Full PDB file with SEQRES, HELIX, SHEET, SSBOND, CRYST1, ORIGX, SCALE, CONECT and MASTER records, all heavy atoms in Angstrom:
SEQRES   1 A   35  ASN LEU MET VAL ARG VAL PHE LEU LYS SER PRO LEU ARG          
SEQRES   2 A   35  ASP HIS GLN CYS GLY PHE LYS GLY PHE LYS ARG GLU ALA          
SEQRES   3 A   35  LEU MET ARG LEU LEU ASP LYS VAL GLU                          
HELIX    1 AA1 LEU A    2  LEU A    8  1                                   7    
HELIX    2 AA2 ARG A   24  LEU A   30  1                                   7    
HELIX    3 AA3 LEU A   31  LYS A   33  5                                   3    
CRYST1    1.000    1.000    1.000  90.00  90.00  90.00 P 1           1          
ORIGX1      1.000000  0.000000  0.000000        0.00000                         
ORIGX2      0.000000  1.000000  0.000000        0.00000                         
ORIGX3      0.000000  0.000000  1.000000        0.00000                         
SCALE1      1.000000  0.000000  0.000000        0.00000                         
SCALE2      0.000000  1.000000  0.000000        0.00000                         
SCALE3      0.000000  0.000000  1.000000        0.00000                         
ATOM      1  N   ASN A   1       0.813  -1.209   0.000  1.00  0.00           N  
ATOM      2  CA  ASN A   1       0.000   0.000   0.000  1.00  0.00           C  
ATOM      3  C   ASN A   1       0.851   1.265   0.000  1.00  0.00           C  
ATOM      4  O   ASN A   1       0.446   2.282  -0.571  1.00  0.00           O  
ATOM      5  CB  ASN A   1      -0.958  -0.012   1.194  1.00  0.00           C  
ATOM      6  CG  ASN A   1      -2.148  -0.929   0.964  1.00  0.00           C  
ATOM      7  OD1 ASN A   1      -3.018  -0.635   0.156  1.00  0.00           O  
ATOM      8  ND2 ASN A   1      -2.173  -2.052   1.658  1.00  0.00           N  
ATOM      9  N   LEU A   2       2.026   1.197   0.596  1.00  0.00           N  
ATOM     10  CA  LEU A   2       2.947   2.338   0.534  1.00  0.00           C  
ATOM     11  C   LEU A   2       3.397   2.567  -0.903  1.00  0.00           C  
ATOM     12  O   LEU A   2       3.459   3.718  -1.376  1.00  0.00           O  
ATOM     13  CB  LEU A   2       4.156   2.088   1.434  1.00  0.00           C  
ATOM     14  CG  LEU A   2       5.230   3.184   1.421  1.00  0.00           C  
ATOM     15  CD1 LEU A   2       4.648   4.511   1.897  1.00  0.00           C  
ATOM     16  CD2 LEU A   2       6.423   2.772   2.297  1.00  0.00           C  
ATOM     17  N   MET A   3       3.676   1.491  -1.627  1.00  0.00           N  
ATOM     18  CA  MET A   3       4.059   1.621  -3.037  1.00  0.00           C  
ATOM     19  C   MET A   3       2.947   2.256  -3.858  1.00  0.00           C  
ATOM     20  O   MET A   3       3.187   3.126  -4.707  1.00  0.00           O  
ATOM     21  CB  MET A   3       4.406   0.245  -3.611  1.00  0.00           C  
ATOM     22  CG  MET A   3       5.694  -0.353  -3.101  1.00  0.00           C  
ATOM     23  SD  MET A   3       5.956  -2.030  -3.766  1.00  0.00           S  
ATOM     24  CE  MET A   3       6.063  -1.680  -5.536  1.00  0.00           C  
ATOM     25  N   VAL A   4       1.712   1.835  -3.603  1.00  0.00           N  
ATOM     26  CA  VAL A   4       0.581   2.399  -4.335  1.00  0.00           C  
ATOM     27  C   VAL A   4       0.430   3.883  -4.026  1.00  0.00           C  
ATOM     28  O   VAL A   4       0.198   4.708  -4.923  1.00  0.00           O  
ATOM     29  CB  VAL A   4      -0.721   1.649  -3.993  1.00  0.00           C  
ATOM     30  CG1 VAL A   4      -1.929   2.323  -4.644  1.00  0.00           C  
ATOM     31  CG2 VAL A   4      -0.636   0.196  -4.459  1.00  0.00           C  
ATOM     32  N   ARG A   5       0.587   4.237  -2.768  1.00  0.00           N  
ATOM     33  CA  ARG A   5       0.446   5.641  -2.370  1.00  0.00           C  
ATOM     34  C   ARG A   5       1.523   6.512  -3.013  1.00  0.00           C  
ATOM     35  O   ARG A   5       1.263   7.642  -3.456  1.00  0.00           O  
ATOM     36  CB  ARG A   5       0.502   5.756  -0.848  1.00  0.00           C  
ATOM     37  CG  ARG A   5      -0.747   5.238  -0.151  1.00  0.00           C  
ATOM     38  CD  ARG A   5      -0.517   5.033   1.341  1.00  0.00           C  
ATOM     39  NE  ARG A   5      -0.223   6.272   2.036  1.00  0.00           N  
ATOM     40  CZ  ARG A   5      -1.137   7.070   2.578  1.00  0.00           C  
ATOM     41  NH1 ARG A   5      -2.416   6.741   2.496  1.00  0.00           N  
ATOM     42  NH2 ARG A   5      -0.788   8.171   3.218  1.00  0.00           N  
ATOM     43  N   VAL A   6       2.748   5.979  -3.067  1.00  0.00           N  
ATOM     44  CA  VAL A   6       3.865   6.757  -3.605  1.00  0.00           C  
ATOM     45  C   VAL A   6       3.806   6.841  -5.127  1.00  0.00           C  
ATOM     46  O   VAL A   6       3.880   7.928  -5.718  1.00  0.00           O  
ATOM     47  CB  VAL A   6       5.212   6.148  -3.152  1.00  0.00           C  
ATOM     48  CG1 VAL A   6       6.378   6.802  -3.903  1.00  0.00           C  
ATOM     49  CG2 VAL A   6       5.383   6.319  -1.641  1.00  0.00           C  
ATOM     50  N   PHE A   7       3.672   5.697  -5.788  1.00  0.00           N  
ATOM     51  CA  PHE A   7       3.738   5.673  -7.252  1.00  0.00           C  
ATOM     52  C   PHE A   7       2.445   6.163  -7.907  1.00  0.00           C  
ATOM     53  O   PHE A   7       2.494   6.825  -8.951  1.00  0.00           O  
ATOM     54  CB  PHE A   7       4.054   4.253  -7.747  1.00  0.00           C  
ATOM     55  CG  PHE A   7       5.490   3.869  -7.612  1.00  0.00           C  
ATOM     56  CD1 PHE A   7       5.929   3.175  -6.499  1.00  0.00           C  
ATOM     57  CD2 PHE A   7       6.418   4.211  -8.592  1.00  0.00           C  
ATOM     58  CE1 PHE A   7       7.269   2.823  -6.363  1.00  0.00           C  
ATOM     59  CE2 PHE A   7       7.748   3.861  -8.465  1.00  0.00           C  
ATOM     60  CZ  PHE A   7       8.181   3.158  -7.352  1.00  0.00           C  
ATOM     61  N   LEU A   8       1.310   5.832  -7.311  1.00  0.00           N  
ATOM     62  CA  LEU A   8       0.036   6.122  -7.956  1.00  0.00           C  
ATOM     63  C   LEU A   8      -0.701   7.299  -7.315  1.00  0.00           C  
ATOM     64  O   LEU A   8      -1.841   7.595  -7.686  1.00  0.00           O  
ATOM     65  CB  LEU A   8      -0.852   4.873  -7.948  1.00  0.00           C  
ATOM     66  CG  LEU A   8      -0.230   3.641  -8.621  1.00  0.00           C  
ATOM     67  CD1 LEU A   8      -1.184   2.448  -8.568  1.00  0.00           C  
ATOM     68  CD2 LEU A   8       0.155   3.939 -10.065  1.00  0.00           C  
ATOM     69  N   LYS A   9      -0.044   7.940  -6.343  1.00  0.00           N  
ATOM     70  CA  LYS A   9      -0.571   9.164  -5.733  1.00  0.00           C  
ATOM     71  C   LYS A   9      -1.967   8.959  -5.154  1.00  0.00           C  
ATOM     72  O   LYS A   9      -2.855   9.795  -5.294  1.00  0.00           O  
ATOM     73  CB  LYS A   9      -0.605  10.307  -6.753  1.00  0.00           C  
ATOM     74  CG  LYS A   9       0.702  10.544  -7.494  1.00  0.00           C  
ATOM     75  CD  LYS A   9       1.839  10.899  -6.549  1.00  0.00           C  
ATOM     76  CE  LYS A   9       3.137  11.157  -7.304  1.00  0.00           C  
ATOM     77  NZ  LYS A   9       4.275  11.364  -6.392  1.00  0.00           N  
ATOM     78  N   SER A  10      -2.162   7.832  -4.487  1.00  0.00           N  
ATOM     79  CA  SER A  10      -3.451   7.546  -3.868  1.00  0.00           C  
ATOM     80  C   SER A  10      -3.393   7.891  -2.382  1.00  0.00           C  
ATOM     81  O   SER A  10      -2.430   7.536  -1.701  1.00  0.00           O  
ATOM     82  CB  SER A  10      -3.811   6.069  -4.028  1.00  0.00           C  
ATOM     83  OG  SER A  10      -4.936   5.744  -3.237  1.00  0.00           O  
ATOM     84  N   PRO A  11      -4.414   8.560  -1.855  1.00  0.00           N  
ATOM     85  CA  PRO A  11      -4.433   8.882  -0.428  1.00  0.00           C  
ATOM     86  C   PRO A  11      -4.946   7.738   0.443  1.00  0.00           C  
ATOM     87  O   PRO A  11      -4.906   7.826   1.669  1.00  0.00           O  
ATOM     88  CB  PRO A  11      -5.398  10.066  -0.370  1.00  0.00           C  
ATOM     89  CG  PRO A  11      -6.383   9.781  -1.460  1.00  0.00           C  
ATOM     90  CD  PRO A  11      -5.575   9.128  -2.563  1.00  0.00           C  
ATOM     91  N   LEU A  12      -5.414   6.658  -0.177  1.00  0.00           N  
ATOM     92  CA  LEU A  12      -6.005   5.562   0.578  1.00  0.00           C  
ATOM     93  C   LEU A  12      -4.939   4.729   1.278  1.00  0.00           C  
ATOM     94  O   LEU A  12      -3.804   4.646   0.828  1.00  0.00           O  
ATOM     95  CB  LEU A  12      -6.838   4.680  -0.345  1.00  0.00           C  
ATOM     96  CG  LEU A  12      -7.940   5.396  -1.129  1.00  0.00           C  
ATOM     97  CD1 LEU A  12      -8.637   4.424  -2.067  1.00  0.00           C  
ATOM     98  CD2 LEU A  12      -8.940   6.045  -0.199  1.00  0.00           C  
ATOM     99  N   ARG A  13      -5.360   4.072   2.357  1.00  0.00           N  
ATOM    100  CA  ARG A  13      -4.418   3.277   3.146  1.00  0.00           C  
ATOM    101  C   ARG A  13      -4.484   1.783   2.833  1.00  0.00           C  
ATOM    102  O   ARG A  13      -3.529   1.055   3.063  1.00  0.00           O  
ATOM    103  CB  ARG A  13      -4.679   3.516   4.642  1.00  0.00           C  
ATOM    104  CG  ARG A  13      -4.257   4.896   5.112  1.00  0.00           C  
ATOM    105  CD  ARG A  13      -4.808   5.223   6.476  1.00  0.00           C  
ATOM    106  NE  ARG A  13      -6.246   5.468   6.437  1.00  0.00           N  
ATOM    107  CZ  ARG A  13      -6.938   6.028   7.432  1.00  0.00           C  
ATOM    108  NH1 ARG A  13      -6.318   6.383   8.536  1.00  0.00           N  
ATOM    109  NH2 ARG A  13      -8.235   6.225   7.326  1.00  0.00           N  
ATOM    110  N   ASP A  14      -5.639   1.323   2.352  1.00  0.00           N  
ATOM    111  CA  ASP A  14      -5.808  -0.103   2.057  1.00  0.00           C  
ATOM    112  C   ASP A  14      -6.570  -0.237   0.744  1.00  0.00           C  
ATOM    113  O   ASP A  14      -7.755   0.090   0.667  1.00  0.00           O  
ATOM    114  CB  ASP A  14      -6.563  -0.799   3.187  1.00  0.00           C  
ATOM    115  CG  ASP A  14      -6.639  -2.311   2.996  1.00  0.00           C  
ATOM    116  OD1 ASP A  14      -6.060  -2.817   2.016  1.00  0.00           O  
ATOM    117  OD2 ASP A  14      -7.268  -2.975   3.836  1.00  0.00           O  
ATOM    118  N   HIS A  15      -5.896  -0.741  -0.284  1.00  0.00           N  
ATOM    119  CA  HIS A  15      -6.505  -0.839  -1.610  1.00  0.00           C  
ATOM    120  C   HIS A  15      -7.031  -2.233  -1.920  1.00  0.00           C  
ATOM    121  O   HIS A  15      -7.816  -2.405  -2.842  1.00  0.00           O  
ATOM    122  CB  HIS A  15      -5.472  -0.448  -2.682  1.00  0.00           C  
ATOM    123  CG  HIS A  15      -4.948   0.937  -2.531  1.00  0.00           C  
ATOM    124  ND1 HIS A  15      -3.942   1.259  -1.644  1.00  0.00           N  
ATOM    125  CD2 HIS A  15      -5.298   2.095  -3.149  1.00  0.00           C  
ATOM    126  CE1 HIS A  15      -3.688   2.561  -1.721  1.00  0.00           C  
ATOM    127  NE2 HIS A  15      -4.495   3.085  -2.617  1.00  0.00           N  
ATOM    128  N   GLN A  16      -6.604  -3.251  -1.171  1.00  0.00           N  
ATOM    129  CA  GLN A  16      -6.877  -4.630  -1.557  1.00  0.00           C  
ATOM    130  C   GLN A  16      -7.900  -5.356  -0.693  1.00  0.00           C  
ATOM    131  O   GLN A  16      -8.098  -6.558  -0.862  1.00  0.00           O  
ATOM    132  CB  GLN A  16      -5.572  -5.431  -1.558  1.00  0.00           C  
ATOM    133  CG  GLN A  16      -4.678  -5.151  -2.757  1.00  0.00           C  
ATOM    134  CD  GLN A  16      -5.334  -5.493  -4.082  1.00  0.00           C  
ATOM    135  OE1 GLN A  16      -5.538  -4.633  -4.920  1.00  0.00           O  
ATOM    136  NE2 GLN A  16      -5.674  -6.770  -4.276  1.00  0.00           N  
ATOM    137  N   CYS A  17      -8.524  -4.679   0.226  1.00  0.00           N  
ATOM    138  CA  CYS A  17      -9.509  -5.350   1.064  1.00  0.00           C  
ATOM    139  C   CYS A  17     -10.670  -5.844   0.203  1.00  0.00           C  
ATOM    140  O   CYS A  17     -11.234  -5.092  -0.609  1.00  0.00           O  
ATOM    141  CB  CYS A  17     -10.031  -4.387   2.135  1.00  0.00           C  
ATOM    142  SG  CYS A  17     -11.235  -5.131   3.247  1.00  0.00           S  
ATOM    143  N   GLY A  18     -11.058  -7.106   0.383  1.00  0.00           N  
ATOM    144  CA  GLY A  18     -12.111  -7.704  -0.428  1.00  0.00           C  
ATOM    145  C   GLY A  18     -13.502  -7.400   0.085  1.00  0.00           C  
ATOM    146  O   GLY A  18     -14.325  -8.309   0.286  1.00  0.00           O  
ATOM    147  N   PHE A  19     -13.776  -6.121   0.279  1.00  0.00           N  
ATOM    148  CA  PHE A  19     -15.074  -5.683   0.796  1.00  0.00           C  
ATOM    149  C   PHE A  19     -15.294  -4.254   0.311  1.00  0.00           C  
ATOM    150  O   PHE A  19     -14.810  -3.314   0.907  1.00  0.00           O  
ATOM    151  CB  PHE A  19     -15.066  -5.742   2.333  1.00  0.00           C  
ATOM    152  CG  PHE A  19     -16.400  -5.439   2.971  1.00  0.00           C  
ATOM    153  CD1 PHE A  19     -17.436  -6.349   2.920  1.00  0.00           C  
ATOM    154  CD2 PHE A  19     -16.591  -4.248   3.652  1.00  0.00           C  
ATOM    155  CE1 PHE A  19     -18.655  -6.070   3.535  1.00  0.00           C  
ATOM    156  CE2 PHE A  19     -17.802  -3.969   4.269  1.00  0.00           C  
ATOM    157  CZ  PHE A  19     -18.842  -4.879   4.212  1.00  0.00           C  
ATOM    158  N   LYS A  20     -16.009  -4.130  -0.817  1.00  0.00           N  
ATOM    159  CA  LYS A  20     -16.139  -2.830  -1.461  1.00  0.00           C  
ATOM    160  C   LYS A  20     -17.563  -2.611  -1.949  1.00  0.00           C  
ATOM    161  O   LYS A  20     -18.267  -3.551  -2.317  1.00  0.00           O  
ATOM    162  CB  LYS A  20     -15.174  -2.711  -2.642  1.00  0.00           C  
ATOM    163  CG  LYS A  20     -13.702  -2.641  -2.255  1.00  0.00           C  
ATOM    164  CD  LYS A  20     -12.805  -2.571  -3.483  1.00  0.00           C  
ATOM    165  CE  LYS A  20     -11.372  -2.240  -3.122  1.00  0.00           C  
ATOM    166  NZ  LYS A  20     -10.759  -3.268  -2.265  1.00  0.00           N  
ATOM    167  N   GLY A  21     -17.971  -1.338  -1.977  1.00  0.00           N  
ATOM    168  CA  GLY A  21     -19.278  -0.970  -2.489  1.00  0.00           C  
ATOM    169  C   GLY A  21     -19.166   0.219  -3.423  1.00  0.00           C  
ATOM    170  O   GLY A  21     -18.253   1.049  -3.279  1.00  0.00           O  
ATOM    171  N   PHE A  22     -20.108   0.304  -4.358  1.00  0.00           N  
ATOM    172  CA  PHE A  22     -20.030   1.333  -5.396  1.00  0.00           C  
ATOM    173  C   PHE A  22     -21.413   1.865  -5.730  1.00  0.00           C  
ATOM    174  O   PHE A  22     -22.397   1.114  -5.756  1.00  0.00           O  
ATOM    175  CB  PHE A  22     -19.441   0.748  -6.687  1.00  0.00           C  
ATOM    176  CG  PHE A  22     -18.284  -0.180  -6.470  1.00  0.00           C  
ATOM    177  CD1 PHE A  22     -18.484  -1.553  -6.396  1.00  0.00           C  
ATOM    178  CD2 PHE A  22     -16.992   0.306  -6.337  1.00  0.00           C  
ATOM    179  CE1 PHE A  22     -17.421  -2.427  -6.203  1.00  0.00           C  
ATOM    180  CE2 PHE A  22     -15.927  -0.563  -6.136  1.00  0.00           C  
ATOM    181  CZ  PHE A  22     -16.138  -1.923  -6.067  1.00  0.00           C  
ATOM    182  N   LYS A  23     -21.486   3.147  -6.017  1.00  0.00           N  
ATOM    183  CA  LYS A  23     -22.687   3.697  -6.626  1.00  0.00           C  
ATOM    184  C   LYS A  23     -22.694   3.234  -8.083  1.00  0.00           C  
ATOM    185  O   LYS A  23     -21.690   3.352  -8.783  1.00  0.00           O  
ATOM    186  CB  LYS A  23     -22.671   5.222  -6.538  1.00  0.00           C  
ATOM    187  CG  LYS A  23     -23.973   5.889  -6.912  1.00  0.00           C  
ATOM    188  CD  LYS A  23     -23.877   7.405  -6.696  1.00  0.00           C  
ATOM    189  CE  LYS A  23     -23.760   7.733  -5.211  1.00  0.00           C  
ATOM    190  NZ  LYS A  23     -23.741   9.196  -4.993  1.00  0.00           N  
ATOM    191  N   ARG A  24     -23.797   2.695  -8.530  1.00  0.00           N  
ATOM    192  CA  ARG A  24     -23.862   2.057  -9.833  1.00  0.00           C  
ATOM    193  C   ARG A  24     -23.326   2.935 -10.966  1.00  0.00           C  
ATOM    194  O   ARG A  24     -22.487   2.516 -11.757  1.00  0.00           O  
ATOM    195  CB  ARG A  24     -25.306   1.648 -10.148  1.00  0.00           C  
ATOM    196  CG  ARG A  24     -25.439   0.946 -11.494  1.00  0.00           C  
ATOM    197  CD  ARG A  24     -26.873   0.652 -11.874  1.00  0.00           C  
ATOM    198  NE  ARG A  24     -26.874  -0.132 -13.092  1.00  0.00           N  
ATOM    199  CZ  ARG A  24     -26.768  -1.449 -13.125  1.00  0.00           C  
ATOM    200  NH1 ARG A  24     -26.661  -2.133 -12.010  1.00  0.00           N  
ATOM    201  NH2 ARG A  24     -26.752  -2.092 -14.273  1.00  0.00           N  
ATOM    202  N   GLU A  25     -23.827   4.168 -11.057  1.00  0.00           N  
ATOM    203  CA  GLU A  25     -23.447   5.044 -12.171  1.00  0.00           C  
ATOM    204  C   GLU A  25     -21.941   5.307 -12.183  1.00  0.00           C  
ATOM    205  O   GLU A  25     -21.314   5.358 -13.243  1.00  0.00           O  
ATOM    206  CB  GLU A  25     -24.210   6.364 -12.094  1.00  0.00           C  
ATOM    207  CG  GLU A  25     -25.711   6.248 -12.260  1.00  0.00           C  
ATOM    208  CD  GLU A  25     -26.421   5.789 -10.981  1.00  0.00           C  
ATOM    209  OE1 GLU A  25     -25.753   5.671  -9.922  1.00  0.00           O  
ATOM    210  OE2 GLU A  25     -27.633   5.538 -11.052  1.00  0.00           O  
ATOM    211  N   ALA A  26     -21.363   5.472 -11.003  1.00  0.00           N  
ATOM    212  CA  ALA A  26     -19.929   5.756 -10.912  1.00  0.00           C  
ATOM    213  C   ALA A  26     -19.100   4.560 -11.371  1.00  0.00           C  
ATOM    214  O   ALA A  26     -18.143   4.703 -12.143  1.00  0.00           O  
ATOM    215  CB  ALA A  26     -19.564   6.139  -9.479  1.00  0.00           C  
ATOM    216  N   LEU A  27     -19.462   3.366 -10.901  1.00  0.00           N  
ATOM    217  CA  LEU A  27     -18.688   2.183 -11.274  1.00  0.00           C  
ATOM    218  C   LEU A  27     -18.771   1.925 -12.767  1.00  0.00           C  
ATOM    219  O   LEU A  27     -17.762   1.583 -13.407  1.00  0.00           O  
ATOM    220  CB  LEU A  27     -19.189   0.967 -10.500  1.00  0.00           C  
ATOM    221  CG  LEU A  27     -18.432  -0.337 -10.780  1.00  0.00           C  
ATOM    222  CD1 LEU A  27     -16.970  -0.225 -10.350  1.00  0.00           C  
ATOM    223  CD2 LEU A  27     -19.108  -1.523 -10.087  1.00  0.00           C  
ATOM    224  N   MET A  28     -19.948   2.081 -13.354  1.00  0.00           N  
ATOM    225  CA  MET A  28     -20.110   1.796 -14.776  1.00  0.00           C  
ATOM    226  C   MET A  28     -19.282   2.738 -15.659  1.00  0.00           C  
ATOM    227  O   MET A  28     -18.898   2.368 -16.766  1.00  0.00           O  
ATOM    228  CB  MET A  28     -21.594   1.874 -15.164  1.00  0.00           C  
ATOM    229  CG  MET A  28     -22.430   0.762 -14.572  1.00  0.00           C  
ATOM    230  SD  MET A  28     -21.786  -0.889 -14.993  1.00  0.00           S  
ATOM    231  CE  MET A  28     -22.548  -1.897 -13.724  1.00  0.00           C  
ATOM    232  N   ARG A  29     -18.998   3.904 -15.161  1.00  0.00           N  
ATOM    233  CA  ARG A  29     -18.166   4.835 -15.920  1.00  0.00           C  
ATOM    234  C   ARG A  29     -16.699   4.403 -15.959  1.00  0.00           C  
ATOM    235  O   ARG A  29     -15.939   4.848 -16.822  1.00  0.00           O  
ATOM    236  CB  ARG A  29     -18.271   6.243 -15.340  1.00  0.00           C  
ATOM    237  CG  ARG A  29     -19.594   6.931 -15.655  1.00  0.00           C  
ATOM    238  CD  ARG A  29     -19.730   8.261 -14.976  1.00  0.00           C  
ATOM    239  NE  ARG A  29     -18.646   9.179 -15.340  1.00  0.00           N  
ATOM    240  CZ  ARG A  29     -18.502  10.395 -14.814  1.00  0.00           C  
ATOM    241  NH1 ARG A  29     -19.363  10.818 -13.900  1.00  0.00           N  
ATOM    242  NH2 ARG A  29     -17.504  11.167 -15.186  1.00  0.00           N  
ATOM    243  N   LEU A  30     -16.311   3.521 -15.037  1.00  0.00           N  
ATOM    244  CA  LEU A  30     -14.903   3.129 -14.958  1.00  0.00           C  
ATOM    245  C   LEU A  30     -14.617   1.683 -15.362  1.00  0.00           C  
ATOM    246  O   LEU A  30     -13.469   1.353 -15.687  1.00  0.00           O  
ATOM    247  CB  LEU A  30     -14.380   3.340 -13.528  1.00  0.00           C  
ATOM    248  CG  LEU A  30     -14.220   4.780 -13.044  1.00  0.00           C  
ATOM    249  CD1 LEU A  30     -13.591   4.792 -11.660  1.00  0.00           C  
ATOM    250  CD2 LEU A  30     -13.383   5.609 -14.009  1.00  0.00           C  
ATOM    251  N   LEU A  31     -15.623   0.812 -15.344  1.00  0.00           N  
ATOM    252  CA  LEU A  31     -15.367  -0.628 -15.527  1.00  0.00           C  
ATOM    253  C   LEU A  31     -14.562  -0.930 -16.783  1.00  0.00           C  
ATOM    254  O   LEU A  31     -13.624  -1.739 -16.759  1.00  0.00           O  
ATOM    255  CB  LEU A  31     -16.679  -1.404 -15.561  1.00  0.00           C  
ATOM    256  CG  LEU A  31     -17.224  -1.927 -14.231  1.00  0.00           C  
ATOM    257  CD1 LEU A  31     -18.408  -2.830 -14.476  1.00  0.00           C  
ATOM    258  CD2 LEU A  31     -16.158  -2.640 -13.413  1.00  0.00           C  
ATOM    259  N   ASP A  32     -14.920  -0.312 -17.904  1.00  0.00           N  
ATOM    260  CA  ASP A  32     -14.237  -0.627 -19.159  1.00  0.00           C  
ATOM    261  C   ASP A  32     -12.830  -0.039 -19.233  1.00  0.00           C  
ATOM    262  O   ASP A  32     -12.075  -0.352 -20.156  1.00  0.00           O  
ATOM    263  CB  ASP A  32     -15.066  -0.134 -20.348  1.00  0.00           C  
ATOM    264  CG  ASP A  32     -16.319  -0.979 -20.561  1.00  0.00           C  
ATOM    265  OD1 ASP A  32     -16.322  -2.149 -20.127  1.00  0.00           O  
ATOM    266  OD2 ASP A  32     -17.291  -0.472 -21.143  1.00  0.00           O  
ATOM    267  N   LYS A  33     -12.485   0.805 -18.268  1.00  0.00           N  
ATOM    268  CA  LYS A  33     -11.136   1.375 -18.223  1.00  0.00           C  
ATOM    269  C   LYS A  33     -10.183   0.522 -17.389  1.00  0.00           C  
ATOM    270  O   LYS A  33      -8.969   0.744 -17.420  1.00  0.00           O  
ATOM    271  CB  LYS A  33     -11.188   2.795 -17.647  1.00  0.00           C  
ATOM    272  CG  LYS A  33     -12.006   3.768 -18.487  1.00  0.00           C  
ATOM    273  CD  LYS A  33     -12.019   5.153 -17.859  1.00  0.00           C  
ATOM    274  CE  LYS A  33     -12.863   6.123 -18.684  1.00  0.00           C  
ATOM    275  NZ  LYS A  33     -12.906   7.478 -18.085  1.00  0.00           N  
ATOM    276  N   VAL A  34     -10.745  -0.433 -16.643  1.00  0.00           N  
ATOM    277  CA  VAL A  34      -9.914  -1.288 -15.795  1.00  0.00           C  
ATOM    278  C   VAL A  34      -9.305  -2.401 -16.647  1.00  0.00           C  
ATOM    279  O   VAL A  34     -10.015  -3.152 -17.306  1.00  0.00           O  
ATOM    280  CB  VAL A  34     -10.741  -1.894 -14.645  1.00  0.00           C  
ATOM    281  CG1 VAL A  34      -9.879  -2.836 -13.808  1.00  0.00           C  
ATOM    282  CG2 VAL A  34     -11.321  -0.791 -13.777  1.00  0.00           C  
ATOM    283  N   GLU A  35      -7.990  -2.501 -16.631  1.00  0.00           N  
ATOM    284  CA  GLU A  35      -7.299  -3.511 -17.438  1.00  0.00           C  
ATOM    285  C   GLU A  35      -6.930  -4.753 -16.647  1.00  0.00           C  
ATOM    286  O   GLU A  35      -6.698  -5.811 -17.226  1.00  0.00           O  
ATOM    287  CB  GLU A  35      -6.036  -2.890 -18.050  1.00  0.00           C  
ATOM    288  CG  GLU A  35      -6.330  -1.760 -19.039  1.00  0.00           C  
ATOM    289  CD  GLU A  35      -5.074  -1.203 -19.685  1.00  0.00           C  
ATOM    290  OE1 GLU A  35      -3.957  -1.713 -19.352  1.00  0.00           O  
ATOM    291  OE2 GLU A  35      -5.190  -0.267 -20.487  1.00  0.00           O  
TER     292      GLU A  35                                                      
MASTER        0    0    0    3    0    0    0    6  291    1    0    3          
END                                                                             
């Protein structure tokens, strides 16, 4: 997570926790951009 914060400029502390929720419209705008 330190690597992600430094290289990808993310303010989050935990990126890999398998417990996530999304507003539908927001997620659909990004899904096709995820590689």
